[in-house]
Amino acid sequence: MFAFAMGCALSVSPAAVNADASDSNDVPLDALVVGGDPVAMSDVPWQVAILSANLNSVDDDGYLDQVCGGSLISNRWIVTAAHCVVGDDGEAADAFTLDVVTGIATLTDIESTDRRGLDRILVHPEYDGEFVNDIALVRLAEEIALNSDQQPIAYPPASWQGALPAAGSEYLVSGWGCRAELGPSEACPEDDPDGYYANTIEAVVVDDIGGPTASACGANSDFDVEIMICAGDIAGGVDSCTGDSGGPLALSDDAGGWVLAGVVSFGFGCAQVSYPGVYTRVSAYAEWLEAMSGVEPFAQPWSPNTFTALTPTRLLDTRSGDRVGTLDGSGPGGWCWWGSGW
């Protein structure tokens, strides 16, 4: 076990995220639509971008290299999706093949000096190669200095399993993924003049569908409530999508703290009617996360979140698509992972 700084919930109130701010980068979430407006990094400071490693200094484009998202749970450890770091051969990627960027909202602003190397990738031992037990840990080669744009988010304890979050809970999901509503066999239109992949991070509120005892997630046939969260809208239009894989599904309590309830995992296309997004349920893996990272879970009493209800919109995601051309993110049978994958 490695001993590192304990992750804690960041005290940022939902009002601070939802309201207009003097900072030009603070865009109210109710302005967000598919292909809509960005938010400031300080609104989601736990979010990181996972990039193909900068192996060629001539080609250093953070926008083209971004493949997945992740969440800081300490100043060194990051939670992401297993499918983001496992290749077609079923083996975890070598740490040197990936970079992580923290605290930067716009991918094209990333410079070589902003890229942080990894020294460890840990995939859940029971990951099935698709979306069962779709969770992994990656460790930065060096600790980062925390500030308003890069802060850890707490993760829930095992005691949440089977009890929380409740149906109707509102989550905040964020990323740099595709902003288009996609059918199950459609790729994000990268050549669109407006750029369907986000360059600056975006976020949106999605609702929990069914709660911790749900037997189904819309028409999704591969849903297991014990290890997954169903979130979005049965009517469609709200979702994570290609490029968002591994990113956070964050839950706020009424004290303004944030907890990492889920990890962007998979879906049937993006924002399709009857097919909400499916997220890895983090509380199901609390003991594994603590044993592997040494970062303790959230230990404070939890109370229902108080997000102000907003117009549902689909968020970016990495579930399918191929931003770089070397990663294959298409899932089996029409399913798409919310990340470019390996």
Protein backbone atom coordinates (compact mmCIF):
# COMPACT_ATOMS: atom_id res chain seq x y z
CA MET A 1 0.00 0.00 0.00
CA PHE A 2 1.22 3.46 -0.86
CA ALA A 3 0.57 6.28 1.56
CA PHE A 4 -0.47 9.52 -0.07
CA ALA A 5 -2.48 12.56 0.88
CA MET A 6 -6.07 11.84 1.71
CA GLY A 7 -8.59 13.10 -0.88
CA CYS A 8 -11.27 15.45 0.40
CA ALA A 9 -14.43 16.98 -1.00
CA LEU A 10 -13.85 20.41 -2.48
CA SER A 11 -16.05 23.07 -0.96
CA VAL A 12 -17.59 24.53 -4.09
CA SER A 13 -21.29 25.21 -3.92
CA PRO A 14 -23.62 24.30 -6.79
CA ALA A 15 -24.63 27.94 -6.92
CA ALA A 16 -21.06 28.89 -7.72
CA VAL A 17 -21.14 26.52 -10.67
CA ASN A 18 -24.59 27.48 -11.91
CA ALA A 19 -24.48 31.23 -11.57
CA ASP A 20 -22.87 33.85 -13.77
CA ALA A 21 -19.46 34.94 -12.55
CA SER A 22 -17.14 37.83 -13.26
CA ASP A 23 -14.53 35.45 -14.64
CA SER A 24 -15.15 35.19 -18.38
CA ASN A 25 -14.46 31.46 -18.23
CA ASP A 26 -17.22 30.82 -15.70
CA VAL A 27 -20.16 30.01 -17.96
CA PRO A 28 -23.50 29.13 -16.32
CA LEU A 29 -24.46 25.51 -16.85
CA ASP A 30 -27.98 26.43 -17.86
CA ALA A 31 -26.42 27.92 -21.00
CA LEU A 32 -24.93 24.57 -21.92
CA VAL A 33 -26.46 22.69 -24.86
CA VAL A 34 -25.05 19.99 -27.11
CA GLY A 35 -22.13 21.77 -28.71
CA GLY A 36 -22.56 24.52 -26.10
CA ASP A 37 -20.50 26.53 -23.68
CA PRO A 38 -17.45 25.66 -21.58
CA VAL A 39 -16.97 25.97 -17.83
CA ALA A 40 -13.96 27.14 -15.87
CA MET A 41 -11.43 24.59 -14.65
CA SER A 42 -12.07 25.85 -11.11
CA ASP A 43 -15.64 24.54 -11.43
CA VAL A 44 -14.40 20.96 -11.95
CA PRO A 45 -10.82 21.07 -10.60
CA TRP A 46 -10.71 17.29 -10.06
CA GLN A 47 -11.02 16.64 -13.81
CA VAL A 48 -7.89 15.64 -15.71
CA ALA A 49 -7.23 14.96 -19.38
CA ILE A 50 -5.51 11.71 -20.35
CA LEU A 51 -3.46 12.05 -23.52
CA SER A 52 -1.40 9.86 -25.78
CA ALA A 53 2.16 10.48 -24.62
CA ASN A 54 4.14 13.20 -26.33
CA LEU A 55 6.60 10.92 -28.08
CA ASN A 56 7.14 13.38 -30.93
CA SER A 57 7.96 16.95 -29.89
CA VAL A 58 6.99 18.22 -33.37
CA ASP A 59 3.42 16.91 -32.91
CA ASP A 60 2.40 18.20 -29.50
CA ASP A 61 -1.30 18.96 -30.00
CA GLY A 62 -3.24 18.35 -26.80
CA TYR A 63 -6.53 18.46 -28.70
CA LEU A 64 -5.53 15.64 -31.03
CA ASP A 65 -3.85 13.60 -28.29
CA GLN A 66 -6.68 13.63 -25.73
CA VAL A 67 -8.24 10.17 -25.39
CA CYS A 68 -9.99 10.01 -22.00
CA GLY A 69 -10.78 11.82 -18.80
CA GLY A 70 -10.06 11.03 -15.16
CA SER A 71 -10.50 12.37 -11.63
CA LEU A 72 -7.89 13.37 -9.07
CA ILE A 73 -8.47 11.69 -5.70
CA SER A 74 -5.18 12.95 -4.24
CA ASN A 75 -2.21 14.99 -5.39
CA ARG A 76 -0.92 11.92 -7.26
CA TRP A 77 -3.64 9.31 -7.80
CA ILE A 78 -6.30 9.43 -10.54
CA VAL A 79 -9.40 7.30 -11.06
CA THR A 80 -10.38 6.52 -14.66
CA ALA A 81 -12.07 3.79 -16.71
CA ALA A 82 -10.27 0.51 -17.28
CA HIS A 83 -11.12 0.58 -20.97
CA CYS A 84 -9.10 3.80 -21.26
CA VAL A 85 -5.87 2.04 -20.30
CA VAL A 86 -6.31 -1.53 -21.57
CA GLY A 87 -5.40 -2.56 -25.10
CA ASP A 88 -7.06 -4.96 -27.49
CA ASP A 89 -4.73 -7.65 -26.15
CA GLY A 90 -6.31 -7.29 -22.70
CA GLU A 91 -3.11 -5.92 -21.18
CA ALA A 92 -2.72 -2.58 -19.41
CA ALA A 93 -0.87 0.07 -21.37
CA ASP A 94 2.71 0.87 -20.45
CA ALA A 95 2.78 3.95 -18.24
CA PHE A 96 5.15 5.80 -20.59
CA THR A 97 2.55 5.73 -23.40
CA LEU A 98 0.20 8.11 -21.59
CA ASP A 99 0.40 11.66 -20.27
CA VAL A 100 -1.93 13.47 -17.88
CA VAL A 101 -2.75 17.17 -17.85
CA THR A 102 -4.24 18.85 -14.78
CA GLY A 103 -5.62 22.33 -14.23
CA ILE A 104 -5.93 23.33 -17.92
CA ALA A 105 -9.38 23.79 -19.44
CA THR A 106 -8.45 24.25 -23.11
CA LEU A 107 -6.65 21.40 -24.87
CA THR A 108 -4.90 23.57 -27.45
CA ASP A 109 -3.34 25.59 -24.61
CA ILE A 110 -1.40 22.52 -23.46
CA GLU A 111 2.37 22.75 -23.85
CA SER A 112 4.97 20.03 -23.47
CA THR A 113 5.85 21.29 -19.99
CA ASP A 114 2.20 20.83 -18.90
CA ARG A 115 2.24 17.11 -19.59
CA ARG A 116 2.77 14.89 -16.57
CA GLY A 117 4.11 11.37 -16.87
CA LEU A 118 2.76 8.28 -15.14
CA ASP A 119 4.67 5.63 -13.23
CA ARG A 120 1.87 3.16 -12.51
CA ILE A 121 -1.36 1.89 -14.08
CA LEU A 122 -3.59 -0.42 -12.01
CA VAL A 123 -6.59 -2.05 -13.69
CA HIS A 124 -9.27 -3.70 -11.57
CA PRO A 125 -8.40 -7.40 -11.51
CA GLU A 126 -11.93 -8.45 -12.51
CA TYR A 127 -12.29 -6.09 -15.47
CA ASP A 128 -13.84 -8.13 -18.29
CA GLY A 129 -12.35 -6.19 -21.22
CA GLU A 130 -15.60 -4.40 -22.02
CA PHE A 131 -17.60 -2.59 -19.31
CA VAL A 132 -17.89 -4.88 -16.29
CA ASN A 133 -15.66 -3.60 -13.45
CA ASP A 134 -14.64 -0.75 -15.75
CA ILE A 135 -12.37 1.12 -13.35
CA ALA A 136 -8.63 1.76 -13.03
CA LEU A 137 -6.12 3.83 -11.10
CA VAL A 138 -3.17 5.68 -12.59
CA ARG A 139 -0.40 7.34 -10.60
CA LEU A 140 1.47 10.48 -11.55
CA ALA A 141 5.23 10.11 -11.55
CA GLU A 142 5.41 13.13 -9.24
CA GLU A 143 2.99 14.83 -6.86
CA ILE A 144 1.29 18.00 -8.08
CA ALA A 145 0.87 21.27 -6.19
CA LEU A 146 -2.82 21.86 -5.49
CA ASN A 147 -4.57 25.12 -6.36
CA SER A 148 -8.02 26.37 -7.35
CA ASP A 149 -7.77 24.68 -10.76
CA GLN A 150 -6.49 21.29 -9.60
CA GLN A 151 -7.99 19.77 -6.48
CA PRO A 152 -8.89 16.18 -5.52
CA ILE A 153 -12.45 14.97 -5.19
CA ALA A 154 -13.50 12.51 -2.49
CA TYR A 155 -14.81 9.07 -3.42
CA PRO A 156 -17.64 7.35 -1.51
CA PRO A 157 -17.17 4.54 1.03
CA ALA A 158 -18.43 1.00 0.58
CA SER A 159 -21.30 1.84 2.96
CA TRP A 160 -22.97 3.76 0.13
CA GLN A 161 -23.31 0.53 -1.82
CA GLY A 162 -26.96 -0.44 -2.22
CA ALA A 163 -28.19 2.72 -0.50
CA LEU A 164 -26.97 5.86 -2.25
CA PRO A 165 -27.25 7.93 -4.34
CA ALA A 166 -31.04 8.05 -4.42
CA ALA A 167 -33.11 8.05 -7.60
CA GLY A 168 -33.40 11.57 -8.99
CA SER A 169 -30.08 12.70 -7.54
CA GLU A 170 -28.40 15.23 -9.80
CA TYR A 171 -24.85 14.71 -10.95
CA LEU A 172 -22.33 16.92 -12.66
CA VAL A 173 -20.52 15.23 -15.55
CA SER A 174 -17.68 16.90 -17.45
CA GLY A 175 -15.18 16.31 -20.22
CA TRP A 176 -13.81 17.15 -23.65
CA GLY A 177 -15.85 14.63 -25.64
CA CYS A 178 -18.20 14.76 -28.59
CA ARG A 179 -21.09 17.24 -28.44
CA ALA A 180 -23.21 15.56 -31.11
CA GLU A 181 -26.14 13.22 -30.51
CA LEU A 182 -24.90 10.00 -32.08
CA GLY A 183 -26.53 6.76 -33.12
CA PRO A 184 -24.86 3.53 -31.94
CA SER A 185 -22.82 3.13 -35.14
CA GLU A 186 -22.01 6.80 -35.72
CA ALA A 187 -18.62 8.39 -35.13
CA CYS A 188 -18.20 11.94 -33.88
CA PRO A 189 -17.90 14.18 -37.00
CA GLU A 190 -14.35 15.39 -36.43
CA ASP A 191 -14.25 17.26 -39.74
CA ASP A 192 -17.22 19.47 -38.87
CA PRO A 193 -16.22 23.16 -39.18
CA ASP A 194 -17.64 23.90 -35.72
CA GLY A 195 -15.63 21.09 -34.14
CA TYR A 196 -17.84 18.52 -32.45
CA TYR A 197 -15.09 17.50 -30.06
CA ALA A 198 -14.79 20.14 -27.35
CA ASN A 199 -11.54 22.03 -27.12
CA THR A 200 -12.48 23.66 -23.80
CA ILE A 201 -13.97 21.52 -21.04
CA GLU A 202 -17.76 21.41 -20.77
CA ALA A 203 -20.09 20.19 -18.04
CA VAL A 204 -23.77 19.37 -17.61
CA VAL A 205 -26.20 18.08 -15.00
CA VAL A 206 -27.71 14.59 -15.44
CA ASP A 207 -30.24 12.77 -13.25
CA ASP A 208 -29.90 9.41 -11.53
CA ILE A 209 -32.41 7.01 -13.06
CA GLY A 210 -33.77 4.36 -10.74
CA GLY A 211 -31.45 4.75 -7.78
CA PRO A 212 -29.18 2.12 -6.14
CA THR A 213 -31.75 -0.70 -6.45
CA ALA A 214 -32.77 -0.13 -10.06
CA SER A 215 -33.37 -3.28 -12.09
CA ALA A 216 -32.93 -1.59 -15.46
CA CYS A 217 -31.40 1.40 -17.23
CA GLY A 218 -33.86 2.21 -19.97
CA ALA A 219 -33.38 -0.21 -22.86
CA ASN A 220 -29.75 -0.93 -21.93
CA SER A 221 -29.41 -4.72 -21.70
CA ASP A 222 -26.00 -4.81 -20.00
CA PHE A 223 -26.82 -2.87 -16.84
CA ASP A 224 -25.91 -4.18 -13.39
CA VAL A 225 -27.00 -1.83 -10.60
CA GLU A 226 -24.53 -3.41 -8.16
CA ILE A 227 -21.58 -1.99 -10.06
CA MET A 228 -23.13 0.64 -12.36
CA ILE A 229 -25.10 3.91 -12.20
CA CYS A 230 -27.72 4.86 -14.78
CA ALA A 231 -27.83 8.61 -15.42
CA GLY A 232 -29.19 10.93 -18.07
CA ASP A 233 -32.70 11.16 -19.46
CA ILE A 234 -34.91 8.40 -20.87
CA ALA A 235 -36.15 10.99 -23.38
CA GLY A 236 -32.59 11.45 -24.68
CA GLY A 237 -30.70 14.69 -25.27
CA VAL A 238 -28.57 14.45 -22.09
CA ASP A 239 -25.50 12.27 -21.92
CA SER A 240 -21.76 11.83 -21.90
CA CYS A 241 -20.26 10.80 -25.22
CA THR A 242 -17.18 9.94 -27.26
CA GLY A 243 -14.08 11.33 -25.57
CA ASP A 244 -15.52 11.54 -22.04
CA SER A 245 -14.64 8.00 -20.94
CA GLY A 246 -13.05 7.73 -17.52
CA GLY A 247 -14.28 11.16 -16.52
CA PRO A 248 -16.19 12.08 -13.35
CA LEU A 249 -19.84 11.73 -12.42
CA ALA A 250 -19.76 14.06 -9.43
CA LEU A 251 -22.40 14.40 -6.72
CA SER A 252 -22.86 17.47 -4.51
CA ASP A 253 -24.25 17.44 -0.98
CA ASP A 254 -26.12 20.32 0.63
CA ALA A 255 -22.91 21.57 2.23
CA GLY A 256 -21.35 22.19 -1.15
CA GLY A 257 -18.95 19.25 -1.04
CA TRP A 258 -18.37 16.99 -4.03
CA VAL A 259 -18.05 13.21 -4.21
CA LEU A 260 -17.02 11.01 -7.14
CA ALA A 261 -20.09 8.81 -7.48
CA GLY A 262 -19.35 7.39 -10.93
CA VAL A 263 -16.91 7.02 -13.81
CA VAL A 264 -18.00 7.54 -17.42
CA SER A 265 -18.16 4.04 -18.90
CA PHE A 266 -20.45 3.18 -21.84
CA GLY A 267 -23.68 3.76 -23.71
CA PHE A 268 -25.70 2.92 -26.80
CA GLY A 269 -24.70 5.84 -28.99
CA CYS A 270 -24.96 9.26 -27.32
CA ALA A 271 -28.11 10.93 -25.98
CA GLN A 272 -30.43 8.43 -27.63
CA VAL A 273 -34.06 7.99 -26.53
CA SER A 274 -34.41 5.11 -24.02
CA TYR A 275 -30.62 4.74 -23.66
CA PRO A 276 -29.20 6.79 -20.76
CA GLY A 277 -25.48 6.72 -20.08
CA VAL A 278 -23.99 4.03 -17.85
CA TYR A 279 -21.31 4.84 -15.27
CA THR A 280 -19.13 2.65 -13.06
CA ARG A 281 -20.47 2.84 -9.47
CA VAL A 282 -17.43 3.98 -7.47
CA SER A 283 -18.74 2.89 -4.06
CA ALA A 284 -18.61 -0.71 -5.28
CA TYR A 285 -14.84 -0.38 -5.57
CA ALA A 286 -14.06 1.70 -2.46
CA GLU A 287 -12.11 -1.05 -0.72
CA TRP A 288 -10.02 -1.75 -3.83
CA LEU A 289 -9.31 1.95 -4.40
CA GLU A 290 -8.15 2.43 -0.82
CA ALA A 291 -6.04 -0.73 -0.80
CA MET A 292 -4.28 0.18 -4.05
CA SER A 293 -3.80 3.92 -3.51
CA GLY A 294 -3.81 4.45 0.24
CA VAL A 295 -6.29 7.31 -0.29
CA GLU A 296 -9.14 7.04 2.19
CA PRO A 297 -12.78 7.43 1.07
CA PHE A 298 -15.22 10.16 2.03
CA ALA A 299 -16.05 9.74 5.72
CA GLN A 300 -18.54 12.52 6.45
CA PRO A 301 -22.33 12.07 6.75
CA TRP A 302 -24.03 12.41 3.38
CA SER A 303 -27.21 14.34 2.69
CA PRO A 304 -29.18 14.77 -0.55
CA ASN A 305 -27.57 17.07 -3.09
CA THR A 306 -29.13 20.42 -3.82
CA PHE A 307 -28.27 21.09 -7.43
CA THR A 308 -30.68 23.55 -9.00
CA ALA A 309 -32.59 21.73 -11.71
CA LEU A 310 -31.31 22.68 -15.16
CA THR A 311 -32.33 21.99 -18.72
CA PRO A 312 -31.00 18.51 -19.57
CA THR A 313 -28.22 18.43 -22.14
CA ARG A 314 -25.81 15.79 -23.39
CA LEU A 315 -22.22 16.10 -22.25
CA LEU A 316 -19.04 15.28 -24.04
CA ASP A 317 -17.62 11.83 -23.75
CA THR A 318 -14.98 9.47 -25.05
CA ARG A 319 -17.13 6.40 -25.36
CA SER A 320 -16.43 5.86 -29.04
CA GLY A 321 -14.52 7.45 -31.86
CA ASP A 322 -10.90 7.85 -32.71
CA ARG A 323 -9.34 11.22 -32.06
CA VAL A 324 -5.77 10.23 -32.90
CA GLY A 325 -6.28 7.39 -35.34
CA THR A 326 -4.36 4.83 -33.30
CA LEU A 327 -7.01 4.06 -30.71
CA ASP A 328 -10.14 2.01 -31.35
CA GLY A 329 -13.05 2.94 -29.11
CA SER A 330 -15.94 1.12 -30.77
CA GLY A 331 -17.73 -1.30 -28.49
CA PRO A 332 -19.30 -4.65 -29.31
CA GLY A 333 -22.77 -4.96 -30.79
CA GLY A 334 -23.31 -1.25 -31.32
CA TRP A 335 -22.19 -0.26 -27.83
CA CYS A 336 -19.73 2.58 -27.55
CA TRP A 337 -17.29 3.28 -24.76
CA TRP A 338 -17.25 6.83 -23.51
CA GLY A 339 -13.57 7.10 -24.30
CA SER A 340 -11.32 6.53 -27.23
CA GLY A 341 -9.81 3.52 -25.48
CA TRP A 342 -6.84 1.50 -26.65
